[in-house]
Amino acid sequence: MNIGNHLMMARKRKGLSQESVAEKLGVSRQTISKWETCETLPDICQAKTLATIYGISLDELITFDSDVQELQDIIERTSEELTNKIDWTKLWRKKYPILNEYQKEVDIPYYASQILSLFLQLEKTYGYNKLNSMLVLKDILATVWKARNT
């Protein structure tokens, strides 16, 4: 993905047409089109106004990781029904072979009981449902992972 595609995706996420953005900026629709096809780029003042219109920071507007952005776009477009059909464990096992092997070494019931305790504690303390408890634990685990790797 290039910066033009990124500008277009930001506009579409906000549900705006090229015409409406052009009107807010006082430029032509063709100017917006040229920005989104990378023929030209907005100047810094226009970019700042675009960020405000799209409800994102200027940094978010002009800085992006194409792989991450593409994944985010795919996730946003994927329906819950399709997500439920995907065997995520099988997909992750292809990338990380440890997921095929750890069952022979790890005391799964011990760790499962520890995790269950954390789930139940989140549900009881904060009133989270099962899914929200899992998402919170996943997020906490990611935070711990990042802290260990910095």
C-alpha atoms as a PDB file:
ATOM      1  CA  MET A   1       0.000   0.000   0.000  1.00  0.00           C
ATOM      2  CA  ASN A   2       1.237   3.491  -0.809  1.00  0.00           C
ATOM      3  CA  ILE A   3       0.452   6.843   0.792  1.00  0.00           C
ATOM      4  CA  GLY A   4      -2.273   7.522  -1.765  1.00  0.00           C
ATOM      5  CA  ASN A   5      -4.072   4.304  -0.867  1.00  0.00           C
ATOM      6  CA  HIS A   6      -3.617   5.200   2.785  1.00  0.00           C
ATOM      7  CA  LEU A   7      -5.279   8.580   2.203  1.00  0.00           C
ATOM      8  CA  MET A   8      -8.138   6.904   0.337  1.00  0.00           C
ATOM      9  CA  MET A   9      -8.664   4.308   3.090  1.00  0.00           C
ATOM     10  CA  ALA A  10      -8.717   7.036   5.756  1.00  0.00           C
ATOM     11  CA  ARG A  11     -11.348   8.906   3.757  1.00  0.00           C
ATOM     12  CA  LYS A  12     -13.463   5.807   3.170  1.00  0.00           C
ATOM     13  CA  ARG A  13     -13.261   4.758   6.837  1.00  0.00           C
ATOM     14  CA  LYS A  14     -14.835   8.125   7.639  1.00  0.00           C
ATOM     15  CA  GLY A  15     -17.519   7.495   4.978  1.00  0.00           C
ATOM     16  CA  LEU A  16     -16.657  10.583   2.968  1.00  0.00           C
ATOM     17  CA  SER A  17     -16.658  11.150  -0.780  1.00  0.00           C
ATOM     18  CA  GLN A  18     -13.850  12.849  -2.639  1.00  0.00           C
ATOM     19  CA  GLU A  19     -16.269  15.676  -3.376  1.00  0.00           C
ATOM     20  CA  SER A  20     -17.116  16.311   0.265  1.00  0.00           C
ATOM     21  CA  VAL A  21     -13.449  16.305   1.312  1.00  0.00           C
ATOM     22  CA  ALA A  22     -12.562  18.618  -1.578  1.00  0.00           C
ATOM     23  CA  GLU A  23     -15.299  21.021  -0.530  1.00  0.00           C
ATOM     24  CA  LYS A  24     -14.074  21.105   3.074  1.00  0.00           C
ATOM     25  CA  LEU A  25     -10.517  21.818   1.884  1.00  0.00           C
ATOM     26  CA  GLY A  26     -11.460  24.288  -0.832  1.00  0.00           C
ATOM     27  CA  VAL A  27      -9.846  22.216  -3.576  1.00  0.00           C
ATOM     28  CA  SER A  28     -11.220  20.282  -6.541  1.00  0.00           C
ATOM     29  CA  ARG A  29     -12.308  16.639  -6.435  1.00  0.00           C
ATOM     30  CA  GLN A  30      -9.569  15.984  -8.988  1.00  0.00           C
ATOM     31  CA  THR A  31      -6.996  17.226  -6.459  1.00  0.00           C
ATOM     32  CA  ILE A  32      -8.203  14.647  -3.929  1.00  0.00           C
ATOM     33  CA  SER A  33      -8.067  12.007  -6.666  1.00  0.00           C
ATOM     34  CA  LYS A  34      -4.484  12.986  -7.553  1.00  0.00           C
ATOM     35  CA  TRP A  35      -3.458  12.683  -3.893  1.00  0.00           C
ATOM     36  CA  GLU A  36      -5.061   9.246  -3.671  1.00  0.00           C
ATOM     37  CA  THR A  37      -3.295   8.063  -6.841  1.00  0.00           C
ATOM     38  CA  CYS A  38       0.048   9.591  -5.786  1.00  0.00           C
ATOM     39  CA  GLU A  39       0.190  11.945  -8.787  1.00  0.00           C
ATOM     40  CA  THR A  40       0.649  14.736  -6.256  1.00  0.00           C
ATOM     41  CA  LEU A  41       0.575  15.001  -2.475  1.00  0.00           C
ATOM     42  CA  PRO A  42      -1.082  17.488  -0.138  1.00  0.00           C
ATOM     43  CA  ASP A  43       1.074  20.167   1.435  1.00  0.00           C
ATOM     44  CA  ILE A  44       1.572  20.102   5.201  1.00  0.00           C
ATOM     45  CA  CYS A  45      -1.350  22.469   5.913  1.00  0.00           C
ATOM     46  CA  GLN A  46      -3.689  20.424   3.726  1.00  0.00           C
ATOM     47  CA  ALA A  47      -2.467  17.216   5.343  1.00  0.00           C
ATOM     48  CA  LYS A  48      -3.148  18.643   8.809  1.00  0.00           C
ATOM     49  CA  THR A  49      -6.678  19.582   7.763  1.00  0.00           C
ATOM     50  CA  LEU A  50      -7.185  16.130   6.203  1.00  0.00           C
ATOM     51  CA  ALA A  51      -6.138  14.496   9.468  1.00  0.00           C
ATOM     52  CA  THR A  52      -8.700  16.605  11.338  1.00  0.00           C
ATOM     53  CA  ILE A  53     -11.432  15.758   8.820  1.00  0.00           C
ATOM     54  CA  TYR A  54     -10.597  12.040   9.060  1.00  0.00           C
ATOM     55  CA  GLY A  55     -10.417  12.143  12.850  1.00  0.00           C
ATOM     56  CA  ILE A  56      -6.832  10.918  13.080  1.00  0.00           C
ATOM     57  CA  SER A  57      -3.507  12.487  13.966  1.00  0.00           C
ATOM     58  CA  LEU A  58      -1.273  13.941  11.294  1.00  0.00           C
ATOM     59  CA  ASP A  59       1.268  11.265  12.168  1.00  0.00           C
ATOM     60  CA  GLU A  60      -1.339   8.530  11.583  1.00  0.00           C
ATOM     61  CA  LEU A  61      -2.279  10.135   8.274  1.00  0.00           C
ATOM     62  CA  ILE A  62       1.202  10.244   6.798  1.00  0.00           C
ATOM     63  CA  THR A  63       2.975   7.389   8.569  1.00  0.00           C
ATOM     64  CA  PHE A  64       1.953   3.819   8.022  1.00  0.00           C
ATOM     65  CA  ASP A  65       3.283   0.319   7.829  1.00  0.00           C
ATOM     66  CA  SER A  66       1.842  -1.154   4.655  1.00  0.00           C
ATOM     67  CA  ASP A  67       1.756  -4.745   5.948  1.00  0.00           C
ATOM     68  CA  VAL A  68       0.097  -3.747   9.213  1.00  0.00           C
ATOM     69  CA  GLN A  69      -2.341  -1.439   7.430  1.00  0.00           C
ATOM     70  CA  GLU A  70      -3.294  -4.148   4.939  1.00  0.00           C
ATOM     71  CA  LEU A  71      -3.934  -6.612   7.775  1.00  0.00           C
ATOM     72  CA  GLN A  72      -6.012  -4.047   9.642  1.00  0.00           C
ATOM     73  CA  ASP A  73      -8.064  -3.400   6.512  1.00  0.00           C
ATOM     74  CA  ILE A  74      -8.610  -7.133   5.988  1.00  0.00           C
ATOM     75  CA  ILE A  75      -9.666  -7.610   9.613  1.00  0.00           C
ATOM     76  CA  GLU A  76     -12.134  -4.708   9.355  1.00  0.00           C
ATOM     77  CA  ARG A  77     -13.662  -6.181   6.186  1.00  0.00           C
ATOM     78  CA  THR A  78     -13.907  -9.746   7.502  1.00  0.00           C
ATOM     79  CA  SER A  79     -17.341 -10.705   8.761  1.00  0.00           C
ATOM     80  CA  GLU A  80     -17.870 -12.399  12.122  1.00  0.00           C
ATOM     81  CA  GLU A  81     -19.349 -15.396  10.276  1.00  0.00           C
ATOM     82  CA  LEU A  82     -16.197 -15.857   8.203  1.00  0.00           C
ATOM     83  CA  THR A  83     -13.958 -15.293  11.232  1.00  0.00           C
ATOM     84  CA  ASN A  84     -15.758 -18.112  13.044  1.00  0.00           C
ATOM     85  CA  LYS A  85     -15.099 -20.489  10.123  1.00  0.00           C
ATOM     86  CA  ILE A  86     -11.335 -19.938  10.205  1.00  0.00           C
ATOM     87  CA  ASP A  87      -9.239 -22.474  12.116  1.00  0.00           C
ATOM     88  CA  TRP A  88      -6.858 -19.939  13.630  1.00  0.00           C
ATOM     89  CA  THR A  89      -4.885 -22.569  15.542  1.00  0.00           C
ATOM     90  CA  LYS A  90      -4.143 -24.466  12.335  1.00  0.00           C
ATOM     91  CA  LEU A  91      -3.019 -21.265  10.615  1.00  0.00           C
ATOM     92  CA  TRP A  92      -0.735 -20.263  13.486  1.00  0.00           C
ATOM     93  CA  ARG A  93       0.708 -23.784  13.671  1.00  0.00           C
ATOM     94  CA  LYS A  94       1.970 -23.418  10.106  1.00  0.00           C
ATOM     95  CA  LYS A  95       3.895 -20.302  11.082  1.00  0.00           C
ATOM     96  CA  TYR A  96       4.963 -21.437  14.568  1.00  0.00           C
ATOM     97  CA  PRO A  97       5.770 -25.173  14.790  1.00  0.00           C
ATOM     98  CA  ILE A  98       5.993 -25.003  18.606  1.00  0.00           C
ATOM     99  CA  LEU A  99       2.190 -24.994  18.566  1.00  0.00           C
ATOM    100  CA  ASN A 100       2.337 -28.557  17.193  1.00  0.00           C
ATOM    101  CA  GLU A 101       4.845 -29.747  19.789  1.00  0.00           C
ATOM    102  CA  TYR A 102       4.324 -28.141  23.195  1.00  0.00           C
ATOM    103  CA  GLN A 103       1.484 -30.465  24.233  1.00  0.00           C
ATOM    104  CA  LYS A 104       4.053 -33.241  24.818  1.00  0.00           C
ATOM    105  CA  GLU A 105       6.134 -31.114  27.200  1.00  0.00           C
ATOM    106  CA  VAL A 106       3.920 -28.595  28.979  1.00  0.00           C
ATOM    107  CA  ASP A 107       1.680 -29.355  31.949  1.00  0.00           C
ATOM    108  CA  ILE A 108      -1.402 -28.008  30.180  1.00  0.00           C
ATOM    109  CA  PRO A 109      -3.898 -28.637  33.038  1.00  0.00           C
ATOM    110  CA  TYR A 110      -1.716 -26.579  35.419  1.00  0.00           C
ATOM    111  CA  TYR A 111      -1.471 -23.564  33.079  1.00  0.00           C
ATOM    112  CA  ALA A 112      -5.113 -23.904  32.043  1.00  0.00           C
ATOM    113  CA  SER A 113      -6.207 -23.695  35.680  1.00  0.00           C
ATOM    114  CA  GLN A 114      -4.045 -20.573  36.193  1.00  0.00           C
ATOM    115  CA  ILE A 115      -5.544 -18.923  33.139  1.00  0.00           C
ATOM    116  CA  LEU A 116      -9.075 -19.946  34.129  1.00  0.00           C
ATOM    117  CA  SER A 117      -8.495 -18.318  37.494  1.00  0.00           C
ATOM    118  CA  LEU A 118      -7.513 -15.073  35.762  1.00  0.00           C
ATOM    119  CA  PHE A 119     -10.576 -15.266  33.487  1.00  0.00           C
ATOM    120  CA  LEU A 120     -12.905 -15.768  36.438  1.00  0.00           C
ATOM    121  CA  GLN A 121     -11.240 -12.971  38.378  1.00  0.00           C
ATOM    122  CA  LEU A 122     -11.753 -10.538  35.485  1.00  0.00           C
ATOM    123  CA  GLU A 123     -15.371 -11.606  35.073  1.00  0.00           C
ATOM    124  CA  LYS A 124     -16.076 -11.234  38.782  1.00  0.00           C
ATOM    125  CA  THR A 125     -14.110  -8.036  39.437  1.00  0.00           C
ATOM    126  CA  TYR A 126     -15.035  -6.092  36.286  1.00  0.00           C
ATOM    127  CA  GLY A 127     -18.187  -7.836  35.100  1.00  0.00           C
ATOM    128  CA  TYR A 128     -16.612  -8.787  31.780  1.00  0.00           C
ATOM    129  CA  ASN A 129     -18.162 -11.523  29.674  1.00  0.00           C
ATOM    130  CA  LYS A 130     -16.054 -14.479  28.512  1.00  0.00           C
ATOM    131  CA  LEU A 131     -14.966 -12.877  25.250  1.00  0.00           C
ATOM    132  CA  ASN A 132     -14.000  -9.569  26.849  1.00  0.00           C
ATOM    133  CA  SER A 133     -12.059 -11.398  29.567  1.00  0.00           C
ATOM    134  CA  MET A 134     -10.124 -13.300  26.894  1.00  0.00           C
ATOM    135  CA  LEU A 135      -9.384 -10.103  24.968  1.00  0.00           C
ATOM    136  CA  VAL A 136      -8.191  -8.314  28.107  1.00  0.00           C
ATOM    137  CA  LEU A 137      -5.907 -11.231  29.013  1.00  0.00           C
ATOM    138  CA  LYS A 138      -4.566 -11.323  25.451  1.00  0.00           C
ATOM    139  CA  ASP A 139      -3.841  -7.612  25.643  1.00  0.00           C
ATOM    140  CA  ILE A 140      -2.119  -7.948  29.016  1.00  0.00           C
ATOM    141  CA  LEU A 141      -0.019 -10.811  27.652  1.00  0.00           C
ATOM    142  CA  ALA A 142       0.983  -8.667  24.658  1.00  0.00           C
ATOM    143  CA  THR A 143       1.992  -5.866  27.044  1.00  0.00           C
ATOM    144  CA  VAL A 144       4.144  -8.273  29.048  1.00  0.00           C
ATOM    145  CA  TRP A 145       5.688  -9.614  25.830  1.00  0.00           C
ATOM    146  CA  LYS A 146       6.607  -6.123  24.639  1.00  0.00           C
ATOM    147  CA  ALA A 147       8.075  -5.217  28.033  1.00  0.00           C
ATOM    148  CA  ARG A 148      10.287  -8.325  27.984  1.00  0.00           C
ATOM    149  CA  ASN A 149      11.550  -7.515  24.494  1.00  0.00           C
ATOM    150  CA  THR A 150      12.522  -3.884  25.010  1.00  0.00           C
END
